[in-house]
Amino acid sequence: MTAACITAASGAALAEEGAPAEMEMEKAYSLSANVAFVSDYMFRGLSQLDGEPTLQGGFDFGYDADGPVDLYLGVWGSGVDFQDATTEFDIYGGLTGEIQGVSWDLGFIWYTYPGADSALNYDFVEGALGLGYDFGPYAVSVGFNYSPEYFGDSGDSVYWSGGVDVPLPEGFGLGLHVGYQSIDDNAAFGQPDYTDWSVTVSKEFEGFGFSVAYIDTDISDGTCGDVCDTKVVGTISKEF
């Protein structure tokens, strides 16, 4: 809504400059929305809902600066099943660009859990850096996330990740992911440092996205119960 209002106002003020200027302003801003139904909300290999389904969704605002750097802001929400918290909201923003075919993304993410007792220290902020390159037959990506004070007041946190996306025949896609989560205070977090991985098959049909993912970690089942069990998660999504 904000982007549309700004574009309309700018177009009216500059009407005397003609249609090309108005079209350029409209292209500079973008606003999109997304919604999904998932059979479980998995975050870095750990279930946030103990195997229960939920709805997720968000809004994204983008600004194309017609230069080497673009801007984005967004908000996303999901159901969770934590002590005193049933909802997670992520507010994020950053800059993106491309250098010699390598895409980059530098931003922040604020994870907040309305309704949770502040003494639980669930809320936290991460800085994030991502790099990607499309080789044609496949695309690769790497990521680095850092928080000075992670979930549950568990201290410094670093998450390294890598992925490969491969287009398959008939419009299917294959996604491979591996990540490593290290946390300063494992006792406060409740889990040891660990590796997670996933294999996802996806397909778009009639404007909807469908995917099935196999997700696992190297954490012993006896350490975390259902939270880190091997999961097969289904997703139906729609973008607007």
Protein backbone atom coordinates (compact mmCIF):
# COMPACT_ATOMS: atom_id res chain seq x y z
CA MET A 1 0.00 0.00 0.00
CA THR A 2 2.76 2.46 0.89
CA ALA A 3 4.63 1.77 -2.31
CA ALA A 4 1.50 2.26 -4.42
CA CYS A 5 0.69 5.57 -2.72
CA ILE A 6 4.22 6.89 -3.18
CA THR A 7 4.21 5.90 -6.84
CA ALA A 8 0.82 7.51 -7.46
CA ALA A 9 1.78 10.76 -5.74
CA SER A 10 5.07 10.98 -7.58
CA GLY A 11 3.38 10.29 -10.89
CA ALA A 12 0.84 13.08 -10.32
CA ALA A 13 3.51 15.59 -9.38
CA LEU A 14 5.60 14.74 -12.44
CA ALA A 15 2.76 14.25 -14.93
CA GLU A 16 4.02 17.09 -17.05
CA GLU A 17 7.19 15.10 -17.72
CA GLY A 18 5.19 12.45 -19.56
CA ALA A 19 4.49 8.72 -19.39
CA PRO A 20 8.10 7.42 -19.46
CA ALA A 21 8.89 9.10 -16.14
CA GLU A 22 5.72 7.68 -14.55
CA MET A 23 6.47 4.18 -15.82
CA GLU A 24 10.02 4.42 -14.47
CA MET A 25 8.70 5.31 -10.99
CA GLU A 26 6.28 2.38 -11.06
CA LYS A 27 9.09 -0.02 -11.94
CA ALA A 28 11.29 1.26 -9.11
CA TYR A 29 8.98 -0.02 -6.36
CA SER A 30 7.55 -3.49 -5.82
CA LEU A 31 5.23 -4.95 -3.22
CA SER A 32 4.47 -8.66 -2.97
CA ALA A 33 2.84 -11.07 -0.56
CA ASN A 34 3.17 -14.77 0.15
CA VAL A 35 1.22 -17.38 2.08
CA ALA A 36 1.95 -21.05 2.79
CA PHE A 37 0.52 -24.06 4.56
CA VAL A 38 3.22 -26.33 6.01
CA SER A 39 2.94 -29.68 7.76
CA ASP A 40 5.60 -28.50 10.25
CA TYR A 41 7.68 -25.35 10.73
CA MET A 42 11.34 -26.37 10.58
CA PHE A 43 14.10 -23.87 11.40
CA ARG A 44 17.66 -25.04 10.80
CA GLY A 45 16.63 -28.65 11.16
CA LEU A 46 14.64 -28.19 14.38
CA SER A 47 10.84 -28.36 14.62
CA GLN A 48 9.21 -25.24 16.01
CA LEU A 49 5.78 -26.92 16.29
CA ASP A 50 6.46 -30.49 17.45
CA GLY A 51 5.21 -31.86 14.15
CA GLU A 52 2.01 -29.80 13.93
CA PRO A 53 0.90 -27.91 10.77
CA THR A 54 0.56 -24.14 10.53
CA LEU A 55 -0.03 -21.20 8.21
CA GLN A 56 2.80 -18.85 7.30
CA GLY A 57 2.90 -15.64 5.32
CA GLY A 58 4.47 -12.29 4.75
CA PHE A 59 4.91 -9.10 2.75
CA ASP A 60 7.97 -7.86 0.87
CA PHE A 61 8.79 -4.35 -0.33
CA GLY A 62 11.56 -3.78 -2.85
CA TYR A 63 13.20 -0.71 -4.33
CA ASP A 64 15.15 -1.04 -7.58
CA ALA A 65 17.67 1.79 -7.49
CA ASP A 66 18.58 1.24 -11.18
CA GLY A 67 22.17 0.80 -10.08
CA PRO A 68 24.50 -1.74 -8.49
CA VAL A 69 22.56 -1.92 -5.19
CA ASP A 70 18.85 -2.55 -4.50
CA LEU A 71 16.91 -2.33 -1.22
CA TYR A 72 14.36 -4.66 0.36
CA LEU A 73 12.25 -4.77 3.55
CA GLY A 74 9.82 -7.41 4.72
CA VAL A 75 7.84 -9.07 7.47
CA TRP A 76 6.99 -12.75 7.82
CA GLY A 77 5.00 -14.72 10.38
CA SER A 78 4.41 -18.31 11.44
CA GLY A 79 2.82 -20.31 14.20
CA VAL A 80 5.17 -21.79 16.83
CA ASP A 81 4.75 -23.87 19.97
CA PHE A 82 6.99 -22.39 22.66
CA GLN A 83 6.42 -21.58 26.30
CA ASP A 84 4.13 -18.49 26.34
CA ALA A 85 4.54 -18.00 22.58
CA THR A 86 2.38 -19.25 19.73
CA THR A 87 3.51 -16.82 17.00
CA GLU A 88 6.81 -15.78 15.48
CA PHE A 89 7.31 -12.62 13.44
CA ASP A 90 10.47 -11.92 11.47
CA ILE A 91 11.21 -8.35 10.38
CA TYR A 92 14.06 -8.08 7.92
CA GLY A 93 15.75 -5.79 5.46
CA GLY A 94 18.92 -5.34 3.51
CA LEU A 95 20.77 -4.58 0.33
CA THR A 96 21.26 -6.80 -2.71
CA GLY A 97 23.35 -6.63 -5.85
CA GLU A 98 25.51 -8.51 -8.31
CA ILE A 99 29.24 -8.37 -9.05
CA GLN A 100 30.68 -10.30 -12.00
CA GLY A 101 27.71 -12.66 -12.00
CA VAL A 102 27.91 -13.29 -8.25
CA SER A 103 24.75 -12.19 -6.43
CA TRP A 104 25.10 -10.88 -2.88
CA ASP A 105 22.70 -10.06 -0.06
CA LEU A 106 23.66 -8.19 3.10
CA GLY A 107 20.92 -7.69 5.68
CA PHE A 108 19.44 -8.19 9.13
CA ILE A 109 16.64 -10.31 10.63
CA TRP A 110 14.79 -9.55 13.87
CA TYR A 111 13.01 -12.60 15.28
CA THR A 112 10.29 -11.68 17.76
CA TYR A 113 7.76 -13.79 19.68
CA PRO A 114 4.74 -11.76 20.88
CA GLY A 115 3.27 -12.89 24.18
CA ALA A 116 6.43 -14.54 25.48
CA ASP A 117 7.68 -13.44 28.91
CA SER A 118 10.57 -11.02 28.39
CA ALA A 119 12.57 -12.96 30.99
CA LEU A 120 12.74 -15.88 28.53
CA ASN A 121 14.77 -13.73 26.10
CA TYR A 122 13.32 -15.36 23.00
CA ASP A 123 13.74 -12.30 20.74
CA PHE A 124 17.05 -11.93 18.92
CA VAL A 125 18.65 -10.19 15.93
CA GLU A 126 20.94 -11.64 13.27
CA GLY A 127 23.14 -10.10 10.63
CA ALA A 128 23.14 -12.12 7.41
CA LEU A 129 25.39 -12.35 4.35
CA GLY A 130 24.55 -14.48 1.34
CA LEU A 131 26.37 -15.15 -1.94
CA GLY A 132 25.12 -17.03 -4.99
CA TYR A 133 26.13 -17.99 -8.52
CA ASP A 134 24.08 -19.54 -11.31
CA PHE A 135 26.15 -21.96 -13.39
CA GLY A 136 23.22 -22.71 -15.72
CA PRO A 137 22.60 -26.42 -15.06
CA TYR A 138 22.63 -25.64 -11.33
CA ALA A 139 22.93 -22.69 -8.94
CA VAL A 140 24.96 -22.61 -5.72
CA SER A 141 24.61 -20.42 -2.64
CA VAL A 142 26.43 -19.91 0.66
CA GLY A 143 25.28 -18.01 3.74
CA PHE A 144 26.60 -16.67 7.02
CA ASN A 145 24.37 -15.56 9.92
CA TYR A 146 25.63 -14.05 13.16
CA SER A 147 23.82 -13.06 16.35
CA PRO A 148 25.57 -11.47 19.35
CA GLU A 149 22.81 -12.82 21.63
CA TYR A 150 20.91 -15.79 20.26
CA PHE A 151 17.53 -17.30 21.20
CA GLY A 152 17.01 -17.81 24.94
CA ASP A 153 19.95 -15.62 25.97
CA SER A 154 22.36 -18.29 24.69
CA GLY A 155 25.18 -15.95 23.65
CA ASP A 156 27.01 -15.64 20.34
CA SER A 157 25.63 -17.71 17.48
CA VAL A 158 27.04 -18.46 14.04
CA TYR A 159 25.22 -20.33 11.28
CA TRP A 160 27.02 -21.37 8.09
CA SER A 161 24.97 -22.74 5.21
CA GLY A 162 25.33 -23.91 1.64
CA GLY A 163 22.92 -25.02 -1.02
CA VAL A 164 22.58 -26.29 -4.57
CA ASP A 165 19.44 -25.86 -6.69
CA VAL A 166 19.00 -28.00 -9.80
CA PRO A 167 16.17 -27.65 -12.33
CA LEU A 168 14.66 -31.01 -13.29
CA PRO A 169 12.52 -32.10 -16.26
CA GLU A 170 8.79 -31.31 -16.33
CA GLY A 171 9.26 -28.16 -14.25
CA PHE A 172 10.41 -29.91 -11.10
CA GLY A 173 13.25 -28.59 -8.96
CA LEU A 174 15.73 -30.24 -6.61
CA GLY A 175 17.21 -28.36 -3.65
CA LEU A 176 20.10 -29.59 -1.49
CA HIS A 177 21.02 -27.81 1.75
CA VAL A 178 23.53 -28.23 4.56
CA GLY A 179 24.14 -25.95 7.54
CA TYR A 180 26.17 -25.80 10.72
CA GLN A 181 24.88 -24.04 13.86
CA SER A 182 27.30 -23.11 16.66
CA ILE A 183 26.13 -21.47 19.89
CA ASP A 184 28.19 -20.04 22.74
CA ASP A 185 25.97 -21.25 25.60
CA ASN A 186 24.62 -24.65 24.58
CA ALA A 187 23.06 -25.26 28.00
CA ALA A 188 20.93 -22.11 27.71
CA PHE A 189 19.87 -23.04 24.16
CA GLY A 190 19.17 -26.63 25.09
CA GLN A 191 21.05 -28.25 22.21
CA PRO A 192 24.70 -28.88 21.26
CA ASP A 193 26.32 -27.38 18.19
CA TYR A 194 24.97 -29.35 15.25
CA THR A 195 24.74 -29.90 11.50
CA ASP A 196 21.46 -29.93 9.60
CA TRP A 197 20.69 -30.96 6.04
CA SER A 198 17.73 -31.29 3.72
CA VAL A 199 16.67 -32.53 0.30
CA THR A 200 13.68 -30.80 -1.30
CA VAL A 201 11.70 -31.58 -4.45
CA SER A 202 9.46 -28.75 -5.69
CA LYS A 203 7.00 -28.06 -8.48
CA GLU A 204 4.80 -25.13 -9.53
CA PHE A 205 1.30 -25.92 -10.75
CA GLU A 206 -1.61 -23.60 -11.56
CA GLY A 207 0.08 -20.70 -9.77
CA PHE A 208 0.80 -22.63 -6.58
CA GLY A 209 4.08 -23.99 -5.29
CA PHE A 210 4.26 -27.55 -3.98
CA SER A 211 7.25 -29.09 -2.22
CA VAL A 212 8.27 -32.07 -0.12
CA ALA A 213 11.43 -31.90 2.00
CA TYR A 214 13.43 -34.52 3.88
CA ILE A 215 15.08 -32.78 6.88
CA ASP A 216 17.48 -34.14 9.48
CA THR A 217 20.27 -33.22 11.92
CA ASP A 218 23.20 -34.99 13.57
CA ILE A 219 21.75 -34.41 17.06
CA SER A 220 21.00 -37.60 18.97
CA ASP A 221 17.26 -38.26 19.22
CA GLY A 222 17.68 -38.89 22.93
CA THR A 223 18.95 -35.33 23.35
CA CYS A 224 16.01 -33.46 21.85
CA GLY A 225 13.08 -35.84 21.38
CA ASP A 226 10.69 -34.88 18.59
CA VAL A 227 12.34 -31.50 18.02
CA CYS A 228 15.24 -32.86 15.96
CA ASP A 229 13.73 -36.11 14.65
CA THR A 230 13.99 -36.82 10.94
CA LYS A 231 11.07 -35.06 9.27
CA VAL A 232 9.33 -35.15 5.90
CA VAL A 233 7.62 -31.78 5.49
CA GLY A 234 5.09 -30.81 2.85
CA THR A 235 4.39 -27.23 1.75
CA ILE A 236 1.73 -25.58 -0.42
CA SER A 237 2.47 -21.92 -1.17
CA LYS A 238 1.17 -18.98 -3.17
CA GLU A 239 2.77 -15.66 -4.10
CA PHE A 240 0.88 -12.49 -5.04
